[in-house]
Amino acid sequence: MDSTPFSKQCEIMADALVELAGISVWEDLFADYNLGFPLAYSVHHEYAEVNADGANFITDAWSAFCKALNLDEFANHDSLDSMLADL
């Protein structure tokens, strides 16, 4: 199985930042990865481009996000809704 493409990771993380912001259970994750999630949002919305070092912030946040959801970070995830539906 292919992994979620980087651009799709950014899209899902951007959606998560918007949809899950303010929900107490997610506050620590967003605080711990306070560069990765906003950077993914910026990349997805084409406000920023990312180099290899910046991409590491995003992939680290992606890994933590998948772990928080108890999902395989190397699986191919289609959307935030599908990831949350698997809970």
PDB file of N, CA and C in Angstrom:
ATOM      1  N   MET A   1       0.851  -1.175   0.000  1.00  0.00           N
ATOM      2  CA  MET A   1       0.000   0.000   0.000  1.00  0.00           C
ATOM      3  C   MET A   1       0.898   1.240   0.000  1.00  0.00           C
ATOM      4  N   ASP A   2       0.492   2.248  -0.767  1.00  0.00           N
ATOM      5  CA  ASP A   2       1.235   3.499  -0.810  1.00  0.00           C
ATOM      6  C   ASP A   2       0.912   4.346   0.407  1.00  0.00           C
ATOM      7  N   SER A   3       1.877   5.139   0.812  1.00  0.00           N
ATOM      8  CA  SER A   3       1.673   6.083   1.905  1.00  0.00           C
ATOM      9  C   SER A   3       0.893   7.293   1.418  1.00  0.00           C
ATOM     10  N   THR A   4       0.348   8.031   2.348  1.00  0.00           N
ATOM     11  CA  THR A   4      -0.340   9.279   2.017  1.00  0.00           C
ATOM     12  C   THR A   4       0.670  10.251   1.424  1.00  0.00           C
ATOM     13  N   PRO A   5       0.397  10.780   0.236  1.00  0.00           N
ATOM     14  CA  PRO A   5       1.329  11.742  -0.359  1.00  0.00           C
ATOM     15  C   PRO A   5       1.488  12.974   0.531  1.00  0.00           C
ATOM     16  N   PHE A   6       2.649  13.590   0.447  1.00  0.00           N
ATOM     17  CA  PHE A   6       2.954  14.748   1.280  1.00  0.00           C
ATOM     18  C   PHE A   6       1.892  15.841   1.127  1.00  0.00           C
ATOM     19  N   SER A   7       1.471  16.107  -0.102  1.00  0.00           N
ATOM     20  CA  SER A   7       0.466  17.160  -0.321  1.00  0.00           C
ATOM     21  C   SER A   7      -0.853  16.818   0.369  1.00  0.00           C
ATOM     22  N   LYS A   8      -1.218  15.552   0.379  1.00  0.00           N
ATOM     23  CA  LYS A   8      -2.446  15.115   1.052  1.00  0.00           C
ATOM     24  C   LYS A   8      -2.282  15.183   2.560  1.00  0.00           C
ATOM     25  N   GLN A   9      -1.081  14.879   3.066  1.00  0.00           N
ATOM     26  CA  GLN A   9      -0.818  15.048   4.501  1.00  0.00           C
ATOM     27  C   GLN A   9      -1.053  16.500   4.889  1.00  0.00           C
ATOM     28  N   CYS A  10      -0.532  17.419   4.081  1.00  0.00           N
ATOM     29  CA  CYS A  10      -0.710  18.849   4.368  1.00  0.00           C
ATOM     30  C   CYS A  10      -2.184  19.229   4.365  1.00  0.00           C
ATOM     31  N   GLU A  11      -2.927  18.704   3.387  1.00  0.00           N
ATOM     32  CA  GLU A  11      -4.363  18.996   3.312  1.00  0.00           C
ATOM     33  C   GLU A  11      -5.093  18.491   4.559  1.00  0.00           C
ATOM     34  N   ILE A  12      -4.817  17.266   4.938  1.00  0.00           N
ATOM     35  CA  ILE A  12      -5.485  16.674   6.105  1.00  0.00           C
ATOM     36  C   ILE A  12      -5.112  17.433   7.373  1.00  0.00           C
ATOM     37  N   MET A  13      -3.840  17.775   7.516  1.00  0.00           N
ATOM     38  CA  MET A  13      -3.410  18.506   8.713  1.00  0.00           C
ATOM     39  C   MET A  13      -3.991  19.911   8.736  1.00  0.00           C
ATOM     40  N   ALA A  14      -4.132  20.548   7.578  1.00  0.00           N
ATOM     41  CA  ALA A  14      -4.773  21.864   7.506  1.00  0.00           C
ATOM     42  C   ALA A  14      -6.230  21.749   7.955  1.00  0.00           C
ATOM     43  N   ASP A  15      -6.916  20.722   7.478  1.00  0.00           N
ATOM     44  CA  ASP A  15      -8.303  20.494   7.888  1.00  0.00           C
ATOM     45  C   ASP A  15      -8.391  20.234   9.391  1.00  0.00           C
ATOM     46  N   ALA A  16      -7.447  19.448   9.908  1.00  0.00           N
ATOM     47  CA  ALA A  16      -7.446  19.150  11.344  1.00  0.00           C
ATOM     48  C   ALA A  16      -7.239  20.412  12.162  1.00  0.00           C
ATOM     49  N   LEU A  17      -6.335  21.254  11.715  1.00  0.00           N
ATOM     50  CA  LEU A  17      -6.062  22.491  12.444  1.00  0.00           C
ATOM     51  C   LEU A  17      -7.316  23.352  12.529  1.00  0.00           C
ATOM     52  N   VAL A  18      -8.084  23.402  11.467  1.00  0.00           N
ATOM     53  CA  VAL A  18      -9.307  24.210  11.442  1.00  0.00           C
ATOM     54  C   VAL A  18     -10.434  23.526  12.215  1.00  0.00           C
ATOM     55  N   GLU A  19     -10.646  22.244  11.947  1.00  0.00           N
ATOM     56  CA  GLU A  19     -11.800  21.542  12.512  1.00  0.00           C
ATOM     57  C   GLU A  19     -11.637  21.123  13.967  1.00  0.00           C
ATOM     58  N   LEU A  20     -10.402  20.891  14.399  1.00  0.00           N
ATOM     59  CA  LEU A  20     -10.184  20.388  15.759  1.00  0.00           C
ATOM     60  C   LEU A  20      -9.649  21.444  16.720  1.00  0.00           C
ATOM     61  N   ALA A  21      -9.382  22.636  16.200  1.00  0.00           N
ATOM     62  CA  ALA A  21      -8.880  23.718  17.058  1.00  0.00           C
ATOM     63  C   ALA A  21      -9.909  24.037  18.142  1.00  0.00           C
ATOM     64  N   GLY A  22      -9.421  24.248  19.321  1.00  0.00           N
ATOM     65  CA  GLY A  22     -10.286  24.592  20.437  1.00  0.00           C
ATOM     66  C   GLY A  22     -10.876  23.398  21.161  1.00  0.00           C
ATOM     67  N   ILE A  23     -10.636  22.207  20.671  1.00  0.00           N
ATOM     68  CA  ILE A  23     -11.102  20.999  21.350  1.00  0.00           C
ATOM     69  C   ILE A  23      -9.975  20.555  22.278  1.00  0.00           C
ATOM     70  N   SER A  24     -10.276  20.497  23.543  1.00  0.00           N
ATOM     71  CA  SER A  24      -9.237  20.329  24.559  1.00  0.00           C
ATOM     72  C   SER A  24      -8.349  19.103  24.343  1.00  0.00           C
ATOM     73  N   VAL A  25      -8.899  18.012  23.860  1.00  0.00           N
ATOM     74  CA  VAL A  25      -8.114  16.794  23.688  1.00  0.00           C
ATOM     75  C   VAL A  25      -6.998  16.985  22.649  1.00  0.00           C
ATOM     76  N   TRP A  26      -7.136  17.949  21.754  1.00  0.00           N
ATOM     77  CA  TRP A  26      -6.143  18.179  20.705  1.00  0.00           C
ATOM     78  C   TRP A  26      -5.167  19.301  21.039  1.00  0.00           C
ATOM     79  N   GLU A  27      -5.422  20.052  22.102  1.00  0.00           N
ATOM     80  CA  GLU A  27      -4.591  21.211  22.429  1.00  0.00           C
ATOM     81  C   GLU A  27      -3.115  20.866  22.607  1.00  0.00           C
ATOM     82  N   ASP A  28      -2.815  19.790  23.314  1.00  0.00           N
ATOM     83  CA  ASP A  28      -1.420  19.416  23.555  1.00  0.00           C
ATOM     84  C   ASP A  28      -0.707  19.048  22.259  1.00  0.00           C
ATOM     85  N   LEU A  29      -1.387  18.308  21.378  1.00  0.00           N
ATOM     86  CA  LEU A  29      -0.772  17.928  20.106  1.00  0.00           C
ATOM     87  C   LEU A  29      -0.464  19.169  19.273  1.00  0.00           C
ATOM     88  N   PHE A  30      -1.422  20.070  19.163  1.00  0.00           N
ATOM     89  CA  PHE A  30      -1.198  21.283  18.386  1.00  0.00           C
ATOM     90  C   PHE A  30      -0.122  22.159  19.017  1.00  0.00           C
ATOM     91  N   ALA A  31      -0.042  22.166  20.331  1.00  0.00           N
ATOM     92  CA  ALA A  31       0.998  22.947  21.014  1.00  0.00           C
ATOM     93  C   ALA A  31       2.369  22.306  20.815  1.00  0.00           C
ATOM     94  N   ASP A  32       2.432  20.993  20.907  1.00  0.00           N
ATOM     95  CA  ASP A  32       3.709  20.295  20.736  1.00  0.00           C
ATOM     96  C   ASP A  32       4.239  20.410  19.313  1.00  0.00           C
ATOM     97  N   TYR A  33       3.351  20.483  18.357  1.00  0.00           N
ATOM     98  CA  TYR A  33       3.740  20.564  16.944  1.00  0.00           C
ATOM     99  C   TYR A  33       3.273  21.902  16.365  1.00  0.00           C
ATOM    100  N   ASN A  34       3.604  22.962  17.107  1.00  0.00           N
ATOM    101  CA  ASN A  34       3.144  24.310  16.776  1.00  0.00           C
ATOM    102  C   ASN A  34       3.798  24.886  15.527  1.00  0.00           C
ATOM    103  N   LEU A  35       4.744  24.195  14.953  1.00  0.00           N
ATOM    104  CA  LEU A  35       5.289  24.583  13.648  1.00  0.00           C
ATOM    105  C   LEU A  35       4.725  23.693  12.541  1.00  0.00           C
ATOM    106  N   GLY A  36       4.624  22.415  12.790  1.00  0.00           N
ATOM    107  CA  GLY A  36       4.211  21.466  11.760  1.00  0.00           C
ATOM    108  C   GLY A  36       2.807  21.683  11.237  1.00  0.00           C
ATOM    109  N   PHE A  37       1.841  21.845  12.128  1.00  0.00           N
ATOM    110  CA  PHE A  37       0.458  22.016  11.676  1.00  0.00           C
ATOM    111  C   PHE A  37       0.245  23.335  10.935  1.00  0.00           C
ATOM    112  N   PRO A  38       0.696  24.468  11.479  1.00  0.00           N
ATOM    113  CA  PRO A  38       0.527  25.718  10.725  1.00  0.00           C
ATOM    114  C   PRO A  38       1.315  25.738   9.415  1.00  0.00           C
ATOM    115  N   LEU A  39       2.474  25.108   9.405  1.00  0.00           N
ATOM    116  CA  LEU A  39       3.251  25.048   8.171  1.00  0.00           C
ATOM    117  C   LEU A  39       2.516  24.199   7.134  1.00  0.00           C
ATOM    118  N   ALA A  40       1.942  23.088   7.540  1.00  0.00           N
ATOM    119  CA  ALA A  40       1.152  22.253   6.625  1.00  0.00           C
ATOM    120  C   ALA A  40      -0.038  23.047   6.084  1.00  0.00           C
ATOM    121  N   TYR A  41      -0.675  23.814   6.942  1.00  0.00           N
ATOM    122  CA  TYR A  41      -1.795  24.669   6.520  1.00  0.00           C
ATOM    123  C   TYR A  41      -1.328  25.670   5.466  1.00  0.00           C
ATOM    124  N   SER A  42      -0.203  26.283   5.717  1.00  0.00           N
ATOM    125  CA  SER A  42       0.343  27.284   4.798  1.00  0.00           C
ATOM    126  C   SER A  42       0.739  26.671   3.464  1.00  0.00           C
ATOM    127  N   VAL A  43       1.330  25.495   3.496  1.00  0.00           N
ATOM    128  CA  VAL A  43       1.718  24.808   2.260  1.00  0.00           C
ATOM    129  C   VAL A  43       0.472  24.408   1.474  1.00  0.00           C
ATOM    130  N   HIS A  44      -0.506  23.851   2.157  1.00  0.00           N
ATOM    131  CA  HIS A  44      -1.727  23.406   1.480  1.00  0.00           C
ATOM    132  C   HIS A  44      -2.440  24.570   0.787  1.00  0.00           C
ATOM    133  N   HIS A  45      -2.481  25.703   1.442  1.00  0.00           N
ATOM    134  CA  HIS A  45      -3.180  26.869   0.886  1.00  0.00           C
ATOM    135  C   HIS A  45      -2.274  27.742   0.003  1.00  0.00           C
ATOM    136  N   GLU A  46      -1.073  27.227  -0.261  1.00  0.00           N
ATOM    137  CA  GLU A  46      -0.097  27.879  -1.132  1.00  0.00           C
ATOM    138  C   GLU A  46       0.328  29.263  -0.636  1.00  0.00           C
ATOM    139  N   TYR A  47       0.367  29.415   0.698  1.00  0.00           N
ATOM    140  CA  TYR A  47       0.896  30.628   1.302  1.00  0.00           C
ATOM    141  C   TYR A  47       2.403  30.528   1.465  1.00  0.00           C
ATOM    142  N   ALA A  48       2.913  29.306   1.422  1.00  0.00           N
ATOM    143  CA  ALA A  48       4.335  29.071   1.645  1.00  0.00           C
ATOM    144  C   ALA A  48       4.786  27.849   0.866  1.00  0.00           C
ATOM    145  N   GLU A  49       6.074  27.812   0.585  1.00  0.00           N
ATOM    146  CA  GLU A  49       6.719  26.627   0.051  1.00  0.00           C
ATOM    147  C   GLU A  49       7.640  26.110   1.139  1.00  0.00           C
ATOM    148  N   VAL A  50       7.945  24.842   1.098  1.00  0.00           N
ATOM    149  CA  VAL A  50       8.721  24.244   2.178  1.00  0.00           C
ATOM    150  C   VAL A  50       9.956  23.550   1.608  1.00  0.00           C
ATOM    151  N   ASN A  51      11.065  23.718   2.305  1.00  0.00           N
ATOM    152  CA  ASN A  51      12.285  22.993   1.939  1.00  0.00           C
ATOM    153  C   ASN A  51      12.339  21.703   2.755  1.00  0.00           C
ATOM    154  N   ALA A  52      13.403  20.947   2.616  1.00  0.00           N
ATOM    155  CA  ALA A  52      13.513  19.654   3.304  1.00  0.00           C
ATOM    156  C   ALA A  52      13.452  19.808   4.822  1.00  0.00           C
ATOM    157  N   ASP A  53      14.096  20.843   5.355  1.00  0.00           N
ATOM    158  CA  ASP A  53      14.053  21.037   6.805  1.00  0.00           C
ATOM    159  C   ASP A  53      12.638  21.348   7.279  1.00  0.00           C
ATOM    160  N   GLY A  54      11.939  22.182   6.550  1.00  0.00           N
ATOM    161  CA  GLY A  54      10.555  22.500   6.906  1.00  0.00           C
ATOM    162  C   GLY A  54       9.643  21.297   6.767  1.00  0.00           C
ATOM    163  N   ALA A  55       9.888  20.492   5.737  1.00  0.00           N
ATOM    164  CA  ALA A  55       9.074  19.292   5.540  1.00  0.00           C
ATOM    165  C   ALA A  55       9.202  18.347   6.727  1.00  0.00           C
ATOM    166  N   ASN A  56      10.344  18.340   7.376  1.00  0.00           N
ATOM    167  CA  ASN A  56      10.529  17.491   8.557  1.00  0.00           C
ATOM    168  C   ASN A  56       9.571  17.878   9.678  1.00  0.00           C
ATOM    169  N   PHE A  57       9.306  19.178   9.844  1.00  0.00           N
ATOM    170  CA  PHE A  57       8.340  19.609  10.861  1.00  0.00           C
ATOM    171  C   PHE A  57       6.956  19.046  10.548  1.00  0.00           C
ATOM    172  N   ILE A  58       6.613  19.042   9.273  1.00  0.00           N
ATOM    173  CA  ILE A  58       5.304  18.540   8.865  1.00  0.00           C
ATOM    174  C   ILE A  58       5.225  17.026   9.033  1.00  0.00           C
ATOM    175  N   THR A  59       6.234  16.311   8.590  1.00  0.00           N
ATOM    176  CA  THR A  59       6.180  14.848   8.697  1.00  0.00           C
ATOM    177  C   THR A  59       6.241  14.385  10.150  1.00  0.00           C
ATOM    178  N   ASP A  60       6.951  15.115  10.997  1.00  0.00           N
ATOM    179  CA  ASP A  60       6.953  14.779  12.428  1.00  0.00           C
ATOM    180  C   ASP A  60       5.563  14.983  13.024  1.00  0.00           C
ATOM    181  N   ALA A  61       4.913  16.072  12.651  1.00  0.00           N
ATOM    182  CA  ALA A  61       3.560  16.337  13.140  1.00  0.00           C
ATOM    183  C   ALA A  61       2.578  15.300  12.593  1.00  0.00           C
ATOM    184  N   TRP A  62       2.752  14.910  11.328  1.00  0.00           N
ATOM    185  CA  TRP A  62       1.901  13.875  10.720  1.00  0.00           C
ATOM    186  C   TRP A  62       2.018  12.566  11.499  1.00  0.00           C
ATOM    187  N   SER A  63       3.228  12.192  11.800  1.00  0.00           N
ATOM    188  CA  SER A  63       3.471  10.961  12.548  1.00  0.00           C
ATOM    189  C   SER A  63       2.777  11.012  13.907  1.00  0.00           C
ATOM    190  N   ALA A  64       2.924  12.116  14.608  1.00  0.00           N
ATOM    191  CA  ALA A  64       2.303  12.266  15.923  1.00  0.00           C
ATOM    192  C   ALA A  64       0.778  12.267  15.822  1.00  0.00           C
ATOM    193  N   PHE A  65       0.260  12.901  14.784  1.00  0.00           N
ATOM    194  CA  PHE A  65      -1.185  12.954  14.572  1.00  0.00           C
ATOM    195  C   PHE A  65      -1.733  11.546  14.344  1.00  0.00           C
ATOM    196  N   CYS A  66      -1.085  10.790  13.491  1.00  0.00           N
ATOM    197  CA  CYS A  66      -1.515   9.407  13.235  1.00  0.00           C
ATOM    198  C   CYS A  66      -1.432   8.562  14.498  1.00  0.00           C
ATOM    199  N   LYS A  67      -0.372   8.737  15.268  1.00  0.00           N
ATOM    200  CA  LYS A  67      -0.240   7.988  16.520  1.00  0.00           C
ATOM    201  C   LYS A  67      -1.355   8.355  17.488  1.00  0.00           C
ATOM    202  N   ALA A  68      -1.707   9.639  17.552  1.00  0.00           N
ATOM    203  CA  ALA A  68      -2.789  10.081  18.440  1.00  0.00           C
ATOM    204  C   ALA A  68      -4.117   9.442  18.044  1.00  0.00           C
ATOM    205  N   LEU A  69      -4.277   9.194  16.737  1.00  0.00           N
ATOM    206  CA  LEU A  69      -5.496   8.548  16.240  1.00  0.00           C
ATOM    207  C   LEU A  69      -5.386   7.026  16.218  1.00  0.00           C
ATOM    208  N   ASN A  70      -4.214   6.519  16.608  1.00  0.00           N
ATOM    209  CA  ASN A  70      -3.945   5.091  16.582  1.00  0.00           C
ATOM    210  C   ASN A  70      -4.095   4.514  15.172  1.00  0.00           C
ATOM    211  N   LEU A  71      -3.569   5.281  14.185  1.00  0.00           N
ATOM    212  CA  LEU A  71      -3.600   4.875  12.786  1.00  0.00           C
ATOM    213  C   LEU A  71      -2.181   4.728  12.270  1.00  0.00           C
ATOM    214  N   ASP A  72      -2.031   3.922  11.250  1.00  0.00           N
ATOM    215  CA  ASP A  72      -0.741   3.704  10.614  1.00  0.00           C
ATOM    216  C   ASP A  72      -0.352   4.949   9.824  1.00  0.00           C
ATOM    217  N   GLU A  73       0.752   5.565  10.197  1.00  0.00           N
ATOM    218  CA  GLU A  73       1.198   6.776   9.502  1.00  0.00           C
ATOM    219  C   GLU A  73       1.641   6.481   8.077  1.00  0.00           C
ATOM    220  N   PHE A  74       1.930   5.233   7.768  1.00  0.00           N
ATOM    221  CA  PHE A  74       2.393   4.857   6.436  1.00  0.00           C
ATOM    222  C   PHE A  74       1.265   4.367   5.526  1.00  0.00           C
ATOM    223  N   ALA A  75       0.049   4.335   6.049  1.00  0.00           N
ATOM    224  CA  ALA A  75      -1.106   3.971   5.225  1.00  0.00           C
ATOM    225  C   ALA A  75      -1.484   5.157   4.341  1.00  0.00           C
ATOM    226  N   ASN A  76      -2.318   4.903   3.356  1.00  0.00           N
ATOM    227  CA  ASN A  76      -2.774   5.965   2.467  1.00  0.00           C
ATOM    228  C   ASN A  76      -4.126   6.457   2.963  1.00  0.00           C
ATOM    229  N   HIS A  77      -4.128   7.618   3.599  1.00  0.00           N
ATOM    230  CA  HIS A  77      -5.348   8.207   4.155  1.00  0.00           C
ATOM    231  C   HIS A  77      -5.914   9.222   3.166  1.00  0.00           C
ATOM    232  N   ASP A  78      -7.239   9.183   2.983  1.00  0.00           N
ATOM    233  CA  ASP A  78      -7.898  10.020   1.985  1.00  0.00           C
ATOM    234  C   ASP A  78      -8.322  11.386   2.512  1.00  0.00           C
ATOM    235  N   SER A  79      -8.732  11.423   3.777  1.00  0.00           N
ATOM    236  CA  SER A  79      -9.277  12.678   4.313  1.00  0.00           C
ATOM    237  C   SER A  79      -9.270  12.630   5.831  1.00  0.00           C
ATOM    238  N   LEU A  80      -9.449  13.791   6.424  1.00  0.00           N
ATOM    239  CA  LEU A  80      -9.572  13.861   7.879  1.00  0.00           C
ATOM    240  C   LEU A  80     -10.809  13.093   8.330  1.00  0.00           C
ATOM    241  N   ASP A  81     -11.910  13.272   7.608  1.00  0.00           N
ATOM    242  CA  ASP A  81     -13.152  12.577   7.994  1.00  0.00           C
ATOM    243  C   ASP A  81     -12.972  11.058   8.007  1.00  0.00           C
ATOM    244  N   SER A  82     -12.288  10.530   6.997  1.00  0.00           N
ATOM    245  CA  SER A  82     -12.091   9.077   6.973  1.00  0.00           C
ATOM    246  C   SER A  82     -11.175   8.632   8.098  1.00  0.00           C
ATOM    247  N   MET A  83     -10.205   9.463   8.448  1.00  0.00           N
ATOM    248  CA  MET A  83      -9.303   9.113   9.549  1.00  0.00           C
ATOM    249  C   MET A  83     -10.055   9.126  10.874  1.00  0.00           C
ATOM    250  N   LEU A  84     -10.918  10.108  11.069  1.00  0.00           N
ATOM    251  CA  LEU A  84     -11.684  10.193  12.307  1.00  0.00           C
ATOM    252  C   LEU A  84     -12.765   9.127  12.369  1.00  0.00           C
ATOM    253  N   ALA A  85     -13.261   8.701  11.220  1.00  0.00           N
ATOM    254  CA  ALA A  85     -14.299   7.665  11.180  1.00  0.00           C
ATOM    255  C   ALA A  85     -13.759   6.316  11.630  1.00  0.00           C
ATOM    256  N   ASP A  86     -12.455   6.121  11.494  1.00  0.00           N
ATOM    257  CA  ASP A  86     -11.843   4.854  11.887  1.00  0.00           C
ATOM    258  C   ASP A  86     -11.668   4.729  13.390  1.00  0.00           C
ATOM    259  N   LEU A  87     -11.992   5.769  14.119  1.00  0.00           N
ATOM    260  CA  LEU A  87     -11.807   5.716  15.576  1.00  0.00           C
ATOM    261  C   LEU A  87     -12.793   4.798  16.233  1.00  0.00           C
TER     262      LEU A  87
END
